[in-house]
C-alpha atoms as a PDB file:
ATOM      1  CA  MET A   1      16.419 -33.599  31.836  1.00  0.00           C
ATOM      2  CA  GLU A   2      15.528 -30.415  33.675  1.00  0.00           C
ATOM      3  CA  SER A   3      14.663 -28.745  30.364  1.00  0.00           C
ATOM      4  CA  LEU A   4      12.350 -31.602  29.438  1.00  0.00           C
ATOM      5  CA  THR A   5      10.669 -31.292  32.821  1.00  0.00           C
ATOM      6  CA  LEU A   6      10.116 -27.550  32.363  1.00  0.00           C
ATOM      7  CA  LEU A   7       8.677 -28.089  28.889  1.00  0.00           C
ATOM      8  CA  GLY A   8       6.545 -31.022  30.008  1.00  0.00           C
ATOM      9  CA  PHE A   9       2.840 -31.096  30.660  1.00  0.00           C
ATOM     10  CA  GLY A  10       1.346 -31.125  34.112  1.00  0.00           C
ATOM     11  CA  PRO A  11       1.878 -29.145  37.317  1.00  0.00           C
ATOM     12  CA  THR A  12       5.700 -29.124  37.042  1.00  0.00           C
ATOM     13  CA  GLY A  13       5.956 -28.068  33.416  1.00  0.00           C
ATOM     14  CA  TRP A  14       4.936 -25.219  31.157  1.00  0.00           C
ATOM     15  CA  GLY A  15       3.868 -27.339  28.202  1.00  0.00           C
ATOM     16  CA  ASP A  16       0.162 -26.777  28.879  1.00  0.00           C
ATOM     17  CA  GLU A  17       0.526 -23.011  28.927  1.00  0.00           C
ATOM     18  CA  ILE A  18       2.666 -22.881  25.807  1.00  0.00           C
ATOM     19  CA  ALA A  19       0.296 -25.244  23.981  1.00  0.00           C
ATOM     20  CA  TRP A  20      -2.580 -22.918  24.876  1.00  0.00           C
ATOM     21  CA  GLY A  21      -0.506 -20.030  23.539  1.00  0.00           C
ATOM     22  CA  VAL A  22      -0.194 -21.852  20.217  1.00  0.00           C
ATOM     23  CA  VAL A  23      -3.979 -22.280  20.111  1.00  0.00           C
ATOM     24  CA  VAL A  24      -4.519 -18.569  20.844  1.00  0.00           C
ATOM     25  CA  THR A  25      -1.965 -17.491  18.221  1.00  0.00           C
ATOM     26  CA  ALA A  26      -3.410 -19.751  15.517  1.00  0.00           C
ATOM     27  CA  SER A  27      -6.979 -18.755  16.423  1.00  0.00           C
ATOM     28  CA  LEU A  28      -6.158 -15.051  16.244  1.00  0.00           C
ATOM     29  CA  ALA A  29      -4.455 -15.373  12.863  1.00  0.00           C
ATOM     30  CA  LEU A  30      -7.233 -17.543  11.398  1.00  0.00           C
ATOM     31  CA  ALA A  31      -9.948 -15.211  12.752  1.00  0.00           C
ATOM     32  CA  THR A  32      -8.216 -12.152  11.290  1.00  0.00           C
ATOM     33  CA  LEU A  33      -7.569 -13.684   7.860  1.00  0.00           C
ATOM     34  CA  PRO A  34     -11.150 -13.702   6.458  1.00  0.00           C
ATOM     35  CA  ILE A  35     -11.791 -10.184   7.781  1.00  0.00           C
ATOM     36  CA  GLY A  36      -8.643  -8.878   6.119  1.00  0.00           C
ATOM     37  CA  LEU A  37      -9.353 -10.691   2.850  1.00  0.00           C
ATOM     38  CA  VAL A  38     -12.954  -9.477   2.566  1.00  0.00           C
ATOM     39  CA  PHE A  39     -12.167  -5.856   3.414  1.00  0.00           C
ATOM     40  CA  GLY A  40      -9.047  -5.917   1.247  1.00  0.00           C
ATOM     41  CA  PHE A  41     -11.103  -7.171  -1.698  1.00  0.00           C
ATOM     42  CA  LEU A  42     -13.764  -4.496  -1.140  1.00  0.00           C
ATOM     43  CA  LEU A  43     -11.094  -1.804  -0.892  1.00  0.00           C
ATOM     44  CA  ALA A  44      -9.586  -2.970  -4.191  1.00  0.00           C
ATOM     45  CA  LEU A  45     -13.016  -2.724  -5.813  1.00  0.00           C
ATOM     46  CA  ALA A  46     -13.459   0.765  -4.343  1.00  0.00           C
ATOM     47  CA  LYS A  47     -10.125   1.864  -5.794  1.00  0.00           C
ATOM     48  CA  GLN A  48     -11.305   0.911  -9.267  1.00  0.00           C
ATOM     49  CA  THR A  49     -14.663   2.622  -9.075  1.00  0.00           C
ATOM     50  CA  GLU A  50     -15.479   5.809 -10.936  1.00  0.00           C
ATOM     51  CA  ASP A  51     -16.860   7.317  -7.735  1.00  0.00           C
ATOM     52  CA  LYS A  52     -14.086   9.747  -6.751  1.00  0.00           C
ATOM     53  CA  LEU A  53     -15.198  10.009  -3.108  1.00  0.00           C
ATOM     54  CA  LEU A  54     -15.241   6.239  -2.641  1.00  0.00           C
ATOM     55  CA  LYS A  55     -11.874   5.880  -4.334  1.00  0.00           C
ATOM     56  CA  LEU A  56     -10.382   8.672  -2.218  1.00  0.00           C
ATOM     57  CA  SER A  57     -11.728   7.085   0.978  1.00  0.00           C
ATOM     58  CA  ALA A  58     -10.153   3.728   0.078  1.00  0.00           C
ATOM     59  CA  ASP A  59      -6.835   5.420  -0.727  1.00  0.00           C
ATOM     60  CA  ILE A  60      -6.841   7.309   2.591  1.00  0.00           C
ATOM     61  CA  TYR A  61      -7.639   4.100   4.504  1.00  0.00           C
ATOM     62  CA  THR A  62      -4.779   2.154   2.935  1.00  0.00           C
ATOM     63  CA  THR A  63      -2.338   5.042   3.301  1.00  0.00           C
ATOM     64  CA  ILE A  64      -3.064   5.309   7.020  1.00  0.00           C
ATOM     65  CA  PHE A  65      -2.894   1.637   7.933  1.00  0.00           C
ATOM     66  CA  ARG A  66       0.058   0.875   5.668  1.00  0.00           C
ATOM     67  CA  GLY A  67       1.931   3.795   7.188  1.00  0.00           C
ATOM     68  CA  LEU A  68       1.218   3.266  10.884  1.00  0.00           C
ATOM     69  CA  PRO A  69       3.316   0.746  12.833  1.00  0.00           C
ATOM     70  CA  GLU A  70       1.238  -2.329  13.672  1.00  0.00           C
ATOM     71  CA  LEU A  71       1.904  -1.865  17.391  1.00  0.00           C
ATOM     72  CA  LEU A  72       0.585   1.696  17.309  1.00  0.00           C
ATOM     73  CA  THR A  73      -2.541   0.533  15.469  1.00  0.00           C
ATOM     74  CA  LEU A  74      -3.037  -2.075  18.184  1.00  0.00           C
ATOM     75  CA  PHE A  75      -2.740   0.557  20.931  1.00  0.00           C
ATOM     76  CA  ILE A  76      -5.194   2.844  19.133  1.00  0.00           C
ATOM     77  CA  VAL A  77      -7.792   0.072  18.976  1.00  0.00           C
ATOM     78  CA  TYR A  78      -7.216  -1.373  22.456  1.00  0.00           C
ATOM     79  CA  PHE A  79      -6.929   1.881  24.380  1.00  0.00           C
ATOM     80  CA  GLY A  80      -8.540   4.470  22.098  1.00  0.00           C
ATOM     81  CA  VAL A  81     -11.608   2.513  21.023  1.00  0.00           C
ATOM     82  CA  ASN A  82     -12.158   1.132  24.526  1.00  0.00           C
ATOM     83  CA  ASN A  83     -11.995   4.649  26.005  1.00  0.00           C
ATOM     84  CA  ALA A  84     -14.501   5.830  23.399  1.00  0.00           C
ATOM     85  CA  LEU A  85     -16.818   2.911  24.203  1.00  0.00           C
ATOM     86  CA  GLN A  86     -16.607   3.607  27.939  1.00  0.00           C
ATOM     87  CA  SER A  87     -17.386   7.289  27.378  1.00  0.00           C
ATOM     88  CA  PHE A  88     -20.356   6.298  25.238  1.00  0.00           C
ATOM     89  CA  SER A  89     -21.591   3.903  27.933  1.00  0.00           C
ATOM     90  CA  ARG A  90     -21.368   6.561  30.636  1.00  0.00           C
ATOM     91  CA  ALA A  91     -23.094   9.162  28.467  1.00  0.00           C
ATOM     92  CA  THR A  92     -25.983   6.869  27.538  1.00  0.00           C
ATOM     93  CA  GLY A  93     -26.296   4.984  30.815  1.00  0.00           C
ATOM     94  CA  LEU A  94     -25.790   1.655  29.054  1.00  0.00           C
ATOM     95  CA  PRO A  95     -23.739  -1.181  30.565  1.00  0.00           C
ATOM     96  CA  ASP A  96     -19.998  -0.917  30.069  1.00  0.00           C
ATOM     97  CA  ILE A  97     -18.819  -2.067  26.666  1.00  0.00           C
ATOM     98  CA  ALA A  98     -15.207  -3.082  26.096  1.00  0.00           C
ATOM     99  CA  LEU A  99     -13.192  -4.923  23.494  1.00  0.00           C
ATOM    100  CA  SER A 100     -11.233  -7.895  24.784  1.00  0.00           C
ATOM    101  CA  SER A 101      -7.545  -8.305  24.014  1.00  0.00           C
ATOM    102  CA  PHE A 102      -8.392 -10.965  21.428  1.00  0.00           C
ATOM    103  CA  VAL A 103     -10.979  -8.824  19.637  1.00  0.00           C
ATOM    104  CA  SER A 104      -8.728  -5.758  19.771  1.00  0.00           C
ATOM    105  CA  GLY A 105      -5.894  -7.739  18.227  1.00  0.00           C
ATOM    106  CA  MET A 106      -8.186  -9.143  15.563  1.00  0.00           C
ATOM    107  CA  VAL A 107      -9.522  -5.695  14.641  1.00  0.00           C
ATOM    108  CA  ALA A 108      -6.112  -3.998  14.605  1.00  0.00           C
ATOM    109  CA  LEU A 109      -4.400  -6.726  12.598  1.00  0.00           C
ATOM    110  CA  GLY A 110      -7.434  -6.872  10.312  1.00  0.00           C
ATOM    111  CA  PHE A 111      -7.047  -3.165   9.539  1.00  0.00           C
ATOM    112  CA  VAL A 112      -3.391  -3.616   8.630  1.00  0.00           C
ATOM    113  CA  PHE A 113      -3.893  -6.846   6.669  1.00  0.00           C
ATOM    114  CA  SER A 114      -6.786  -5.431   4.637  1.00  0.00           C
ATOM    115  CA  ALA A 115      -4.790  -2.310   3.716  1.00  0.00           C
ATOM    116  CA  PHE A 116      -1.930  -4.370   2.288  1.00  0.00           C
ATOM    117  CA  ALA A 117      -4.243  -7.002   0.793  1.00  0.00           C
ATOM    118  CA  SER A 118      -6.101  -4.295  -1.135  1.00  0.00           C
ATOM    119  CA  GLU A 119      -2.902  -3.461  -3.011  1.00  0.00           C
ATOM    120  CA  VAL A 120      -2.318  -7.132  -3.810  1.00  0.00           C
ATOM    121  CA  PHE A 121      -5.875  -7.513  -5.105  1.00  0.00           C
ATOM    122  CA  LEU A 122      -5.616  -4.275  -7.063  1.00  0.00           C
ATOM    123  CA  SER A 123      -2.466  -5.484  -8.833  1.00  0.00           C
ATOM    124  CA  ALA A 124      -4.169  -8.789  -9.574  1.00  0.00           C
ATOM    125  CA  PHE A 125      -7.198  -7.005 -11.043  1.00  0.00           C
ATOM    126  CA  ARG A 126      -4.944  -4.983 -13.319  1.00  0.00           C
ATOM    127  CA  ALA A 127      -3.157  -8.142 -14.471  1.00  0.00           C
ATOM    128  CA  ILE A 128      -6.385  -9.573 -15.925  1.00  0.00           C
ATOM    129  CA  PRO A 129      -6.736  -8.499 -19.587  1.00  0.00           C
ATOM    130  CA  ARG A 130      -9.548  -6.052 -20.267  1.00  0.00           C
ATOM    131  CA  GLY A 131     -10.666  -8.213 -23.174  1.00  0.00           C
ATOM    132  CA  GLN A 132     -11.923 -10.872 -20.777  1.00  0.00           C
ATOM    133  CA  TYR A 133     -14.463  -8.446 -19.352  1.00  0.00           C
ATOM    134  CA  GLU A 134     -15.541  -7.490 -22.846  1.00  0.00           C
ATOM    135  CA  GLY A 135     -15.751 -11.143 -23.910  1.00  0.00           C
ATOM    136  CA  SER A 136     -17.896 -11.994 -20.879  1.00  0.00           C
ATOM    137  CA  SER A 137     -20.220  -9.111 -21.712  1.00  0.00           C
ATOM    138  CA  ALA A 138     -20.479 -10.339 -25.322  1.00  0.00           C
ATOM    139  CA  LEU A 139     -21.497 -13.768 -24.027  1.00  0.00           C
ATOM    140  CA  GLY A 140     -24.331 -12.182 -22.072  1.00  0.00           C
ATOM    141  CA  LEU A 141     -22.847 -12.620 -18.607  1.00  0.00           C
ATOM    142  CA  SER A 142     -23.854 -10.115 -15.966  1.00  0.00           C
ATOM    143  CA  ARG A 143     -21.255  -8.245 -13.916  1.00  0.00           C
ATOM    144  CA  TYR A 144     -21.848 -10.609 -11.010  1.00  0.00           C
ATOM    145  CA  GLN A 145     -21.447 -13.684 -13.206  1.00  0.00           C
ATOM    146  CA  THR A 146     -18.315 -12.226 -14.795  1.00  0.00           C
ATOM    147  CA  MET A 147     -16.808 -11.606 -11.364  1.00  0.00           C
ATOM    148  CA  ILE A 148     -17.626 -15.077 -10.010  1.00  0.00           C
ATOM    149  CA  LEU A 149     -16.997 -17.200 -13.115  1.00  0.00           C
ATOM    150  CA  VAL A 150     -14.262 -15.330 -14.963  1.00  0.00           C
ATOM    151  CA  VAL A 151     -12.438 -12.832 -12.768  1.00  0.00           C
ATOM    152  CA  LEU A 152     -12.367 -14.413  -9.296  1.00  0.00           C
ATOM    153  CA  PRO A 153     -10.647 -17.711 -10.270  1.00  0.00           C
ATOM    154  CA  GLN A 154      -7.867 -15.796 -12.021  1.00  0.00           C
ATOM    155  CA  LEU A 155      -7.702 -13.236  -9.245  1.00  0.00           C
ATOM    156  CA  ILE A 156      -7.024 -15.897  -6.620  1.00  0.00           C
ATOM    157  CA  ARG A 157      -4.271 -17.471  -8.700  1.00  0.00           C
ATOM    158  CA  ILE A 158      -2.543 -14.159  -9.423  1.00  0.00           C
ATOM    159  CA  ALA A 159      -2.911 -12.726  -5.903  1.00  0.00           C
ATOM    160  CA  LEU A 160      -1.988 -15.897  -4.004  1.00  0.00           C
ATOM    161  CA  PRO A 161       1.802 -15.328  -3.768  1.00  0.00           C
ATOM    162  CA  GLY A 162       1.292 -11.837  -2.363  1.00  0.00           C
ATOM    163  CA  LEU A 163      -1.464 -12.955  -0.006  1.00  0.00           C
ATOM    164  CA  GLY A 164       0.740 -15.823   1.138  1.00  0.00           C
ATOM    165  CA  ASN A 165       3.429 -13.344   2.161  1.00  0.00           C
ATOM    166  CA  LEU A 166       0.840 -11.264   3.997  1.00  0.00           C
ATOM    167  CA  TRP A 167      -0.343 -14.372   5.868  1.00  0.00           C
ATOM    168  CA  MET A 168       3.238 -15.018   7.020  1.00  0.00           C
ATOM    169  CA  ASN A 169       3.473 -11.429   8.250  1.00  0.00           C
ATOM    170  CA  LEU A 170       0.126 -11.757   9.996  1.00  0.00           C
ATOM    171  CA  LEU A 171       1.248 -14.932  11.761  1.00  0.00           C
ATOM    172  CA  LYS A 172       4.331 -13.132  13.088  1.00  0.00           C
ATOM    173  CA  ASP A 173       2.436  -9.944  13.948  1.00  0.00           C
ATOM    174  CA  THR A 174       0.183 -11.886  16.326  1.00  0.00           C
ATOM    175  CA  ALA A 175       3.124 -11.743  18.748  1.00  0.00           C
ATOM    176  CA  LEU A 176       2.347  -8.034  19.219  1.00  0.00           C
ATOM    177  CA  VAL A 177      -0.835  -8.823  21.155  1.00  0.00           C
ATOM    178  CA  SER A 178       1.309 -10.064  24.040  1.00  0.00           C
ATOM    179  CA  VAL A 179       1.789  -6.409  25.064  1.00  0.00           C
ATOM    180  CA  ILE A 180      -1.943  -6.058  25.802  1.00  0.00           C
ATOM    181  CA  GLY A 181      -2.092  -9.229  27.881  1.00  0.00           C
ATOM    182  CA  LEU A 182      -3.307 -11.846  25.411  1.00  0.00           C
ATOM    183  CA  THR A 183      -1.806 -15.207  26.331  1.00  0.00           C
ATOM    184  CA  ASP A 184      -0.273 -16.081  22.970  1.00  0.00           C
ATOM    185  CA  ILE A 185       2.972 -17.994  22.370  1.00  0.00           C
ATOM    186  CA  LEU A 186       5.231 -15.038  23.173  1.00  0.00           C
ATOM    187  CA  ARG A 187       3.300 -14.023  26.297  1.00  0.00           C
ATOM    188  CA  GLN A 188       3.359 -17.530  27.731  1.00  0.00           C
ATOM    189  CA  SER A 189       7.052 -17.842  26.908  1.00  0.00           C
ATOM    190  CA  GLN A 190       7.786 -14.531  28.647  1.00  0.00           C
ATOM    191  CA  ILE A 191       5.943 -15.620  31.790  1.00  0.00           C
ATOM    192  CA  ALA A 192       7.664 -19.008  31.834  1.00  0.00           C
ATOM    193  CA  ALA A 193      11.088 -17.432  31.254  1.00  0.00           C
ATOM    194  CA  ARG A 194      10.565 -14.931  34.062  1.00  0.00           C
ATOM    195  CA  VAL A 195       9.335 -17.518  36.580  1.00  0.00           C
ATOM    196  CA  THR A 196      11.939 -20.191  35.806  1.00  0.00           C
ATOM    197  CA  ARG A 197      14.784 -17.831  34.879  1.00  0.00           C
ATOM    198  CA  GLU A 198      15.351 -19.876  31.744  1.00  0.00           C
ATOM    199  CA  PRO A 199      14.871 -17.300  28.955  1.00  0.00           C
ATOM    200  CA  PHE A 200      16.960 -19.143  26.372  1.00  0.00           C
ATOM    201  CA  LEU A 201      14.945 -22.334  26.800  1.00  0.00           C
ATOM    202  CA  PHE A 202      11.506 -20.778  26.461  1.00  0.00           C
ATOM    203  CA  PHE A 203      12.279 -18.127  23.869  1.00  0.00           C
ATOM    204  CA  GLY A 204      14.112 -20.798  21.893  1.00  0.00           C
ATOM    205  CA  THR A 205      10.997 -22.942  22.130  1.00  0.00           C
ATOM    206  CA  ALA A 206       8.911 -20.011  20.866  1.00  0.00           C
ATOM    207  CA  ILE A 207      11.284 -19.642  17.903  1.00  0.00           C
ATOM    208  CA  VAL A 208      10.878 -23.305  17.014  1.00  0.00           C
ATOM    209  CA  ILE A 209       7.083 -23.085  17.282  1.00  0.00           C
ATOM    210  CA  TYR A 210       6.891 -20.035  14.994  1.00  0.00           C
ATOM    211  CA  LEU A 211       9.173 -21.734  12.481  1.00  0.00           C
ATOM    212  CA  VAL A 212       6.986 -24.842  12.526  1.00  0.00           C
ATOM    213  CA  LEU A 213       3.846 -22.728  11.995  1.00  0.00           C
ATOM    214  CA  THR A 214       5.575 -20.927   9.127  1.00  0.00           C
ATOM    215  CA  LEU A 215       6.631 -24.238   7.563  1.00  0.00           C
ATOM    216  CA  LEU A 216       3.110 -25.653   7.822  1.00  0.00           C
ATOM    217  CA  SER A 217       1.748 -22.444   6.291  1.00  0.00           C
ATOM    218  CA  SER A 218       4.198 -22.707   3.403  1.00  0.00           C
ATOM    219  CA  VAL A 219       3.077 -26.270   2.725  1.00  0.00           C
ATOM    220  CA  ALA A 220      -0.597 -25.246   2.834  1.00  0.00           C
ATOM    221  CA  ILE A 221      -0.061 -22.244   0.550  1.00  0.00           C
ATOM    222  CA  GLY A 222       1.908 -24.417  -1.868  1.00  0.00           C
ATOM    223  CA  GLY A 223      -0.990 -26.882  -1.959  1.00  0.00           C
ATOM    224  CA  ILE A 224      -3.485 -24.103  -2.663  1.00  0.00           C
ATOM    225  CA  ASP A 225      -1.209 -22.731  -5.381  1.00  0.00           C
ATOM    226  CA  ARG A 226      -1.030 -26.125  -7.085  1.00  0.00           C
ATOM    227  CA  TRP A 227      -4.810 -26.441  -6.841  1.00  0.00           C
ATOM    228  CA  THR A 228      -5.371 -23.066  -8.508  1.00  0.00           C
ATOM    229  CA  LYS A 229      -2.998 -24.060 -11.324  1.00  0.00           C
ATOM    230  CA  ARG A 230      -4.408 -27.569 -11.822  1.00  0.00           C
ATOM    231  CA  GLY A 231      -5.726 -26.647 -15.288  1.00  0.00           C
ATOM    232  CA  GLU A 232      -2.311 -25.414 -16.395  1.00  0.00           C
ATOM    233  CA  MET A 233      -0.589 -28.464 -14.940  1.00  0.00           C
ATOM    234  CA  ALA A 234      -2.962 -30.772 -16.837  1.00  0.00           C
ATOM    235  CA  LYS A 235      -1.836 -29.193 -20.098  1.00  0.00           C
END
């Protein structure tokens, strides 16, 4: 009964705080996802271009952010970028500018996600037969029309398994932002465990919550996968 009281909502329980941590975690992951997807897609396009400088820049970007530990990337953004912004503010006389913990986490995780997503997109691009580009050109489609009507639908279907794995990693990596003070699931669980001296209860609760989020994500990704393959299933 004591455990239920501690996990309950209201002034005697920590349910409110942990629920807010779930909202923060989900919000951070969902806010990072489109940033990582867009930049990952652009990086994959850059890696296929004939412009050697652009291709080299994309390769350097992915090498750096695939090689650095996510926690170190987070520290670089939160402390390094904020120090640079403060120095800029003092030098120019402008009001202080600083990235919040949420924005820092979103930027850092977006860097990492986009670097890995670019490789997934690049593999998906290479899996599409070259003849489809040539056939689209023969039909009079522009490059934009070919990308939207021919390439992109196949790209999503081919890249989805890899992107799904990256989403799972992103969801777990959000726990790293607890070290810079963002009140996510892990941070709220740490505070509750320290105050109540019940670490097993609250860290166990955090485990269950992450597993539930992972399960819901798996169901959603499976639904998207079936939707992308609806034409094949109809056959």
